[in-house]
Amino acid sequence: MATLVNGNNVKLLPQEICGLICQDSVLTRRDLSSLRTISRAFRDEAERLLYTSARLRGTRKIKSFCLSVIRKPFLAERLRQLTLFMPPQIDLEVDDLSRITKALRLCHNLRNLSVLQDDSRAIPQITGDAVHRWILDGHSFRLKSFASSYFRPEVLLCFLKDQLSIETLTIKCKGDAGLSSAPLPMLKNLDSSAGVVQEFGLDAWHHTTIERLQYSLIDSTDSEELSTFVALTQFSDSLKSLSIRRKNGADGLDIAVLIACVAAQLPDLKFLQILDYTAKMETYYVPFLPFPIMFTKIETLVIRPPTRAYTSLTEHTDISTYRELRTNSGRRNAANRLMTALKSLKRLVLIDKNIYEYTRTPNDGEICEHLLSAFDETQWLQVQ
């Protein structure tokens, strides 16, 4: 970077060359900020890229961004994606909220908006309420995706009624949200709590459009989980992909029963991901997933079984509750059994302290094992 800054001829480079340099994938946002100081051509190209998307955490950065786009409205016109990690309410003043509102009012081309709690702070946050919701009012942008873990869900109803183009909705809450009366005719992807799934399943329009669904079970009981599976029936005509995340608690269904229930309600599902972060005191000596699974079109199955607890449910080990999954040969036997029973299954992923992937070879269908270094938990959103 120093070579570029000190070179006298760099300032004479045409706009097209500056654009190609700025688009180099090795450059970070800090590099782009440095390039802005070289010449007007570099500044224009770097700012165009810097202000296409923004992730802002904390009062100072949010304030700086808002002042920049208010002073230079053309920067706001370039913005397509914005993520605000909102500070605690105690850190916010009326002027801060007014600046956010003014900045959003200039972002006519904004398509993806996330307003999230700043979970990097140790202080528990109070959920944003109607006092703060007005920062979302009166804007001209038409969103394709919206995510919120900052606002209480029920205060978002009027906002969502006005955003008819939303395709992806993420609402982080523990229970229902009071949002089922929002039209959302384009909604295809929903990430929420089990309570929201039950709520959305009651209204006819929702289950005809949703293709990809993720919901969270927190401290859930077996009866609560069964109620959610009943609601899933309403999505059977459209749903292609399902992800279930389970945390805390020890009173939920056994994961084998859980998967069998999903298959009974959604036999045509193509992708199923179950990430179980609970701990059990028991060790299961039965084969993993011993029940028949009635999927007819399943292509990918991702499972993180619960782990074995220490002396209390708050302390986890990396050891699977299923004894069969604790050895290479046991996992291989389980994979062979599942992929033989499910003829359409192309990919099986088993997660514990490591990530094991099983796939079929294209020619003879032989089952191969791979050890993955990482796993993208958002794959459920990419299913076609």
Protein backbone atom coordinates (compact mmCIF):
# COMPACT_ATOMS: atom_id res chain seq x y z
CA MET A 1 0.00 0.00 0.00
CA ALA A 2 2.89 2.36 0.77
CA THR A 3 4.19 1.95 -2.79
CA LEU A 4 0.84 3.05 -4.15
CA VAL A 5 0.55 6.04 -1.88
CA ASN A 6 4.04 7.34 -2.63
CA GLY A 7 3.94 6.78 -6.38
CA ASN A 8 3.53 10.06 -8.26
CA ASN A 9 2.06 8.44 -11.36
CA VAL A 10 -0.67 6.66 -9.48
CA LYS A 11 -2.71 9.86 -9.24
CA LEU A 12 -2.87 9.93 -13.04
CA LEU A 13 -4.40 6.48 -13.43
CA PRO A 14 -7.76 6.49 -15.26
CA GLN A 15 -10.98 5.71 -13.41
CA GLU A 16 -11.25 2.24 -15.00
CA ILE A 17 -7.82 1.14 -13.70
CA CYS A 18 -8.57 2.54 -10.25
CA GLY A 19 -11.79 0.55 -10.27
CA LEU A 20 -10.00 -2.70 -11.13
CA ILE A 21 -7.45 -2.12 -8.35
CA CYS A 22 -10.16 -1.39 -5.79
CA GLN A 23 -12.05 -4.56 -6.74
CA ASP A 24 -9.07 -6.84 -6.00
CA SER A 25 -10.36 -9.51 -3.61
CA VAL A 26 -7.27 -9.32 -1.38
CA LEU A 27 -8.10 -5.77 -0.27
CA THR A 28 -9.74 -5.26 3.11
CA ARG A 29 -12.10 -2.45 4.04
CA ARG A 30 -9.15 -0.75 5.74
CA ASP A 31 -7.18 -0.96 2.47
CA LEU A 32 -10.08 0.63 0.62
CA SER A 33 -10.20 3.44 3.18
CA SER A 34 -6.49 4.06 2.58
CA LEU A 35 -6.96 4.12 -1.20
CA ARG A 36 -9.47 6.95 -0.83
CA THR A 37 -6.60 9.32 0.07
CA ILE A 38 -4.61 8.78 -3.15
CA SER A 39 -6.70 10.58 -5.74
CA ARG A 40 -10.24 11.54 -6.61
CA ALA A 41 -10.58 8.55 -8.94
CA PHE A 42 -9.49 6.16 -6.19
CA ARG A 43 -11.75 7.91 -3.69
CA ASP A 44 -14.81 7.56 -5.92
CA GLU A 45 -14.21 3.86 -6.62
CA ALA A 46 -13.28 2.98 -3.02
CA GLU A 47 -16.31 4.80 -1.60
CA ARG A 48 -18.58 3.09 -4.10
CA LEU A 49 -17.45 -0.28 -2.75
CA LEU A 50 -17.25 0.76 0.89
CA TYR A 51 -20.80 2.05 0.93
CA THR A 52 -22.41 -0.84 -0.94
CA SER A 53 -22.67 -2.66 2.38
CA ALA A 54 -21.95 -1.70 5.98
CA ARG A 55 -21.71 -3.53 9.33
CA LEU A 56 -21.73 -1.06 12.20
CA ARG A 57 -21.22 -1.94 15.86
CA GLY A 58 -21.51 0.57 18.69
CA THR A 59 -22.63 4.18 19.08
CA ARG A 60 -19.47 5.80 17.71
CA LYS A 61 -19.36 3.87 14.42
CA ILE A 62 -23.10 4.19 13.83
CA LYS A 63 -22.90 7.95 14.44
CA SER A 64 -19.92 8.34 12.10
CA PHE A 65 -21.66 6.41 9.32
CA CYS A 66 -24.90 8.37 9.67
CA LEU A 67 -23.11 11.71 9.55
CA SER A 68 -21.22 10.62 6.42
CA VAL A 69 -24.31 9.66 4.44
CA ILE A 70 -26.26 12.71 5.65
CA ARG A 71 -23.45 14.98 4.42
CA LYS A 72 -23.01 12.99 1.19
CA PRO A 73 -26.43 11.64 0.17
CA PHE A 74 -24.98 9.99 -2.95
CA LEU A 75 -23.24 7.51 -0.63
CA ALA A 76 -26.59 6.49 0.83
CA GLU A 77 -27.90 5.85 -2.70
CA ARG A 78 -25.21 3.16 -3.14
CA LEU A 79 -26.08 1.25 0.02
CA ARG A 80 -27.69 -2.16 -0.55
CA GLN A 81 -27.00 -3.96 2.72
CA LEU A 82 -26.85 -2.55 6.26
CA THR A 83 -26.32 -4.30 9.60
CA LEU A 84 -26.68 -2.26 12.78
CA PHE A 85 -25.47 -3.82 16.04
CA MET A 86 -27.39 -1.54 18.34
CA PRO A 87 -25.83 -0.45 21.64
CA PRO A 88 -27.75 -0.74 24.94
CA GLN A 89 -30.61 1.72 25.29
CA ILE A 90 -28.76 3.48 28.09
CA ASP A 91 -26.05 4.47 25.56
CA LEU A 92 -28.54 5.99 23.09
CA GLU A 93 -29.75 9.56 23.04
CA VAL A 94 -32.59 11.06 21.03
CA ASP A 95 -30.07 12.68 18.66
CA ASP A 96 -28.54 9.27 17.93
CA LEU A 97 -31.90 7.84 16.94
CA SER A 98 -32.70 10.92 14.85
CA ARG A 99 -29.44 10.52 12.94
CA ILE A 100 -30.21 6.87 12.21
CA THR A 101 -33.66 7.84 10.94
CA LYS A 102 -32.29 10.59 8.68
CA ALA A 103 -29.64 8.26 7.28
CA LEU A 104 -32.15 5.48 6.56
CA ARG A 105 -34.44 7.98 4.85
CA LEU A 106 -31.68 8.60 2.30
CA CYS A 107 -31.06 4.89 1.62
CA HIS A 108 -33.63 4.51 -1.16
CA ASN A 109 -31.92 1.46 -2.66
CA LEU A 110 -31.44 -0.48 0.58
CA ARG A 111 -32.46 -4.13 0.11
CA ASN A 112 -31.14 -5.98 3.17
CA LEU A 113 -31.49 -4.54 6.68
CA SER A 114 -30.53 -6.13 10.00
CA VAL A 115 -31.10 -4.41 13.36
CA LEU A 116 -29.46 -6.61 15.99
CA GLN A 117 -28.52 -6.55 19.63
CA ASP A 118 -24.81 -6.11 20.21
CA ASP A 119 -24.11 -9.48 21.80
CA SER A 120 -20.40 -8.71 22.09
CA ARG A 121 -21.15 -6.75 25.25
CA ALA A 122 -21.38 -8.47 28.61
CA ILE A 123 -24.26 -6.28 29.81
CA PRO A 124 -27.71 -7.86 29.15
CA GLN A 125 -29.74 -5.66 26.84
CA ILE A 126 -33.34 -4.57 27.07
CA THR A 127 -35.24 -5.29 23.86
CA GLY A 128 -36.02 -2.21 21.78
CA ASP A 129 -39.66 -1.20 22.07
CA ALA A 130 -42.08 1.21 20.44
CA VAL A 131 -40.06 4.15 21.74
CA HIS A 132 -37.29 3.18 19.32
CA ARG A 133 -39.31 1.58 16.54
CA TRP A 134 -39.96 4.95 14.93
CA ILE A 135 -36.48 4.83 13.38
CA LEU A 136 -38.02 2.37 10.87
CA ASP A 137 -40.98 4.57 9.93
CA GLY A 138 -41.53 6.51 6.71
CA HIS A 139 -38.73 5.17 4.51
CA SER A 140 -38.90 4.59 0.77
CA PHE A 141 -36.70 1.48 0.58
CA ARG A 142 -38.27 -1.85 -0.30
CA LEU A 143 -36.46 -4.65 1.47
CA LYS A 144 -35.80 -8.19 0.27
CA SER A 145 -34.55 -9.31 3.69
CA PHE A 146 -35.04 -8.05 7.23
CA ALA A 147 -33.56 -9.36 10.48
CA SER A 148 -34.20 -8.21 14.03
CA SER A 149 -33.03 -9.33 17.44
CA TYR A 150 -33.20 -5.78 18.81
CA PHE A 151 -36.90 -4.92 18.71
CA ARG A 152 -39.71 -6.68 20.48
CA PRO A 153 -41.35 -8.52 17.56
CA GLU A 154 -44.87 -7.21 18.13
CA VAL A 155 -43.80 -3.59 17.56
CA LEU A 156 -42.65 -4.49 14.02
CA LEU A 157 -46.10 -5.37 12.70
CA CYS A 158 -46.83 -2.02 11.02
CA PHE A 159 -43.34 -1.91 9.50
CA LEU A 160 -43.69 -5.42 8.04
CA LYS A 161 -47.15 -4.65 6.67
CA ASP A 162 -45.51 -1.93 4.59
CA GLN A 163 -42.64 -4.15 3.34
CA LEU A 164 -44.42 -6.39 0.85
CA SER A 165 -41.26 -7.42 -1.04
CA ILE A 166 -39.53 -9.20 1.87
CA GLU A 167 -38.33 -12.68 0.88
CA THR A 168 -36.21 -13.49 3.95
CA LEU A 169 -37.35 -12.71 7.50
CA THR A 170 -35.30 -13.34 10.64
CA ILE A 171 -37.03 -12.67 13.95
CA LYS A 172 -35.12 -13.69 17.07
CA CYS A 173 -37.47 -14.19 20.00
CA LYS A 174 -38.33 -16.89 22.52
CA GLY A 175 -42.05 -17.22 21.94
CA ASP A 176 -44.57 -16.09 19.35
CA ALA A 177 -44.23 -12.71 17.68
CA GLY A 178 -47.72 -11.43 16.91
CA LEU A 179 -46.75 -10.96 13.26
CA SER A 180 -48.95 -13.45 11.44
CA SER A 181 -51.29 -10.71 10.16
CA ALA A 182 -48.47 -9.08 8.16
CA PRO A 183 -49.13 -9.97 4.48
CA LEU A 184 -45.52 -10.73 3.34
CA PRO A 185 -46.67 -12.23 0.01
CA MET A 186 -43.09 -12.82 -1.22
CA LEU A 187 -41.81 -14.54 1.94
CA LYS A 188 -39.71 -17.61 1.10
CA ASN A 189 -37.23 -17.89 3.98
CA LEU A 190 -38.09 -17.71 7.69
CA ASP A 191 -35.69 -17.90 10.65
CA SER A 192 -37.46 -17.66 14.00
CA SER A 193 -38.59 -19.41 17.16
CA ALA A 194 -40.81 -22.48 17.36
CA GLY A 195 -43.59 -20.20 18.63
CA VAL A 196 -43.48 -18.16 15.42
CA VAL A 197 -43.68 -21.35 13.34
CA GLN A 198 -46.83 -22.37 15.22
CA GLU A 199 -48.24 -18.87 14.80
CA PHE A 200 -47.47 -18.65 11.07
CA GLY A 201 -48.83 -22.14 10.47
CA LEU A 202 -52.33 -20.98 11.42
CA ASP A 203 -52.73 -18.54 8.51
CA ALA A 204 -53.29 -19.95 5.04
CA TRP A 205 -51.08 -17.51 3.10
CA HIS A 206 -47.85 -18.32 4.97
CA HIS A 207 -47.49 -22.00 4.29
CA THR A 208 -48.05 -21.56 0.55
CA THR A 209 -44.90 -19.42 0.13
CA ILE A 210 -42.25 -20.51 2.65
CA GLU A 211 -39.59 -22.75 1.07
CA ARG A 212 -36.79 -22.60 3.64
CA LEU A 213 -37.33 -22.59 7.38
CA GLN A 214 -35.14 -22.49 10.47
CA TYR A 215 -36.48 -22.41 13.99
CA SER A 216 -34.98 -22.58 17.46
CA LEU A 217 -36.04 -24.68 20.43
CA ILE A 218 -34.86 -23.24 23.75
CA ASP A 219 -35.61 -25.06 27.02
CA SER A 220 -38.33 -26.91 25.12
CA THR A 221 -40.41 -29.82 26.39
CA ASP A 222 -41.54 -32.81 24.36
CA SER A 223 -45.13 -31.50 24.22
CA GLU A 224 -43.97 -28.10 22.91
CA GLU A 225 -41.87 -29.79 20.26
CA LEU A 226 -44.77 -32.00 19.18
CA SER A 227 -46.98 -28.90 18.81
CA THR A 228 -44.41 -27.43 16.44
CA PHE A 229 -44.31 -30.60 14.34
CA VAL A 230 -48.09 -30.43 13.96
CA ALA A 231 -47.70 -26.86 12.66
CA LEU A 232 -45.09 -28.03 10.13
CA THR A 233 -47.81 -29.93 8.28
CA GLN A 234 -49.10 -26.58 7.00
CA PHE A 235 -45.82 -26.04 5.14
CA SER A 236 -45.65 -29.45 3.46
CA ASP A 237 -46.60 -28.25 -0.04
CA SER A 238 -43.84 -25.64 -0.32
CA LEU A 239 -41.06 -26.43 2.16
CA LYS A 240 -37.77 -27.70 0.69
CA SER A 241 -35.32 -27.06 3.51
CA LEU A 242 -35.62 -27.23 7.31
CA SER A 243 -33.09 -26.41 10.04
CA ILE A 244 -33.81 -26.98 13.74
CA ARG A 245 -31.53 -25.63 16.47
CA ARG A 246 -32.08 -26.92 20.00
CA LYS A 247 -30.44 -25.37 23.07
CA ASN A 248 -30.65 -25.92 26.82
CA GLY A 249 -33.05 -28.19 28.60
CA ALA A 250 -33.27 -31.95 28.91
CA ASP A 251 -37.01 -32.54 28.46
CA GLY A 252 -37.22 -32.52 24.67
CA LEU A 253 -37.78 -35.45 22.35
CA ASP A 254 -35.03 -37.92 21.64
CA ILE A 255 -33.32 -36.83 18.40
CA ALA A 256 -34.34 -40.08 16.68
CA VAL A 257 -37.99 -39.40 17.51
CA LEU A 258 -37.57 -35.79 16.44
CA ILE A 259 -36.27 -36.78 12.99
CA ALA A 260 -38.98 -39.41 12.57
CA CYS A 261 -41.63 -36.77 13.39
CA VAL A 262 -40.20 -34.36 10.81
CA ALA A 263 -40.22 -37.09 8.16
CA ALA A 264 -43.83 -37.96 8.96
CA GLN A 265 -44.94 -34.33 8.51
CA LEU A 266 -42.61 -33.38 5.62
CA PRO A 267 -41.83 -36.51 3.57
CA ASP A 268 -40.80 -34.51 0.47
CA LEU A 269 -38.16 -32.42 2.26
CA LYS A 270 -34.83 -32.13 0.38
CA PHE A 271 -32.61 -30.78 3.17
CA LEU A 272 -32.79 -31.38 6.92
CA GLN A 273 -30.37 -29.95 9.47
CA ILE A 274 -30.72 -30.64 13.20
CA LEU A 275 -28.17 -29.01 15.48
CA ASP A 276 -28.75 -30.21 19.03
CA TYR A 277 -26.67 -28.30 21.58
CA THR A 278 -28.26 -29.94 24.61
CA ALA A 279 -26.55 -32.39 26.98
CA LYS A 280 -27.86 -35.69 28.28
CA MET A 281 -26.89 -37.65 31.35
CA GLU A 282 -27.61 -40.92 29.53
CA THR A 283 -25.52 -42.94 27.11
CA TYR A 284 -27.55 -44.62 24.34
CA TYR A 285 -26.44 -48.13 23.39
CA VAL A 286 -29.06 -48.57 20.66
CA PRO A 287 -28.10 -47.92 17.01
CA PHE A 288 -28.22 -44.28 15.93
CA LEU A 289 -31.61 -43.48 14.36
CA PRO A 290 -33.04 -46.99 14.74
CA PHE A 291 -36.54 -46.04 13.53
CA PRO A 292 -37.58 -46.06 9.84
CA ILE A 293 -37.32 -42.54 8.39
CA MET A 294 -40.02 -41.92 5.81
CA PHE A 295 -38.33 -39.30 3.62
CA THR A 296 -38.89 -39.75 -0.12
CA LYS A 297 -36.74 -36.95 -1.60
CA ILE A 298 -34.16 -36.13 1.06
CA GLU A 299 -30.75 -35.24 -0.44
CA THR A 300 -28.83 -33.77 2.50
CA LEU A 301 -29.05 -34.72 6.17
CA VAL A 302 -26.99 -32.78 8.75
CA ILE A 303 -27.10 -33.93 12.37
CA ARG A 304 -25.37 -32.76 15.50
CA PRO A 305 -26.57 -35.19 18.19
CA PRO A 306 -26.66 -34.15 21.85
CA THR A 307 -23.47 -34.67 23.81
CA ARG A 308 -22.83 -36.47 27.05
CA ALA A 309 -23.01 -34.26 30.15
CA TYR A 310 -20.59 -34.34 33.04
CA THR A 311 -22.24 -34.44 36.47
CA SER A 312 -24.69 -31.67 35.55
CA LEU A 313 -26.56 -30.65 32.41
CA THR A 314 -24.76 -27.29 32.31
CA GLU A 315 -21.39 -28.92 31.58
CA HIS A 316 -20.89 -30.62 28.22
CA THR A 317 -18.31 -33.04 26.93
CA ASP A 318 -17.41 -33.55 23.28
CA ILE A 319 -18.61 -37.15 23.50
CA SER A 320 -21.79 -38.15 21.66
CA THR A 321 -24.63 -39.58 23.70
CA TYR A 322 -24.80 -42.36 21.09
CA ARG A 323 -22.10 -44.93 21.75
CA GLU A 324 -22.18 -45.99 18.09
CA LEU A 325 -21.01 -42.52 17.01
CA ARG A 326 -17.94 -42.48 19.25
CA THR A 327 -15.75 -44.57 16.91
CA ASN A 328 -14.86 -44.40 13.23
CA SER A 329 -16.28 -47.86 12.58
CA GLY A 330 -19.50 -47.03 14.43
CA ARG A 331 -20.03 -43.81 12.48
CA ARG A 332 -19.31 -45.66 9.25
CA ASN A 333 -21.89 -48.32 10.12
CA ALA A 334 -24.47 -45.65 10.92
CA ALA A 335 -23.75 -43.83 7.64
CA ASN A 336 -24.03 -47.04 5.60
CA ARG A 337 -27.30 -47.93 7.30
CA LEU A 338 -28.86 -44.49 6.73
CA MET A 339 -27.69 -44.07 3.14
CA THR A 340 -28.85 -47.58 2.26
CA ALA A 341 -32.28 -46.95 3.74
CA LEU A 342 -32.64 -43.48 2.17
CA LYS A 343 -31.98 -44.02 -1.54
CA SER A 344 -32.25 -40.32 -2.40
CA LEU A 345 -29.70 -39.26 0.27
CA LYS A 346 -26.58 -37.85 -1.39
CA ARG A 347 -24.86 -36.34 1.62
CA LEU A 348 -24.80 -37.09 5.35
CA VAL A 349 -22.96 -34.86 7.85
CA LEU A 350 -22.40 -35.95 11.45
CA ILE A 351 -21.06 -33.29 13.84
CA ASP A 352 -19.45 -33.65 17.24
CA LYS A 353 -15.97 -32.34 18.10
CA ASN A 354 -15.16 -33.10 14.45
CA ILE A 355 -17.25 -32.85 11.28
CA TYR A 356 -17.70 -36.06 9.30
CA GLU A 357 -19.20 -35.97 5.79
CA TYR A 358 -20.41 -39.04 3.89
CA THR A 359 -21.19 -38.86 0.17
CA ARG A 360 -21.84 -41.27 -2.70
CA THR A 361 -19.42 -41.59 -5.61
CA PRO A 362 -21.05 -40.62 -8.95
CA ASN A 363 -20.31 -43.88 -10.78
CA ASP A 364 -20.99 -46.78 -8.43
CA GLY A 365 -22.62 -45.04 -5.46
CA GLU A 366 -19.93 -46.17 -3.04
CA ILE A 367 -20.07 -44.28 0.27
CA CYS A 368 -17.00 -42.12 0.96
CA GLU A 369 -16.00 -40.37 4.19
CA HIS A 370 -14.45 -36.89 4.44
CA LEU A 371 -13.27 -34.95 7.48
CA LEU A 372 -14.34 -31.31 7.14
CA SER A 373 -12.46 -28.42 8.73
CA ALA A 374 -15.57 -26.25 9.00
CA PHE A 375 -19.28 -26.31 8.33
CA ASP A 376 -21.55 -23.53 7.10
CA GLU A 377 -24.69 -23.61 9.25
CA THR A 378 -26.53 -21.35 6.78
CA GLN A 379 -26.61 -24.00 4.03
CA TRP A 380 -30.34 -24.44 4.64
CA LEU A 381 -30.83 -21.05 2.97
CA GLN A 382 -29.09 -22.13 -0.23
CA VAL A 383 -31.28 -25.11 -1.11
CA GLN A 384 -33.01 -24.78 -4.49
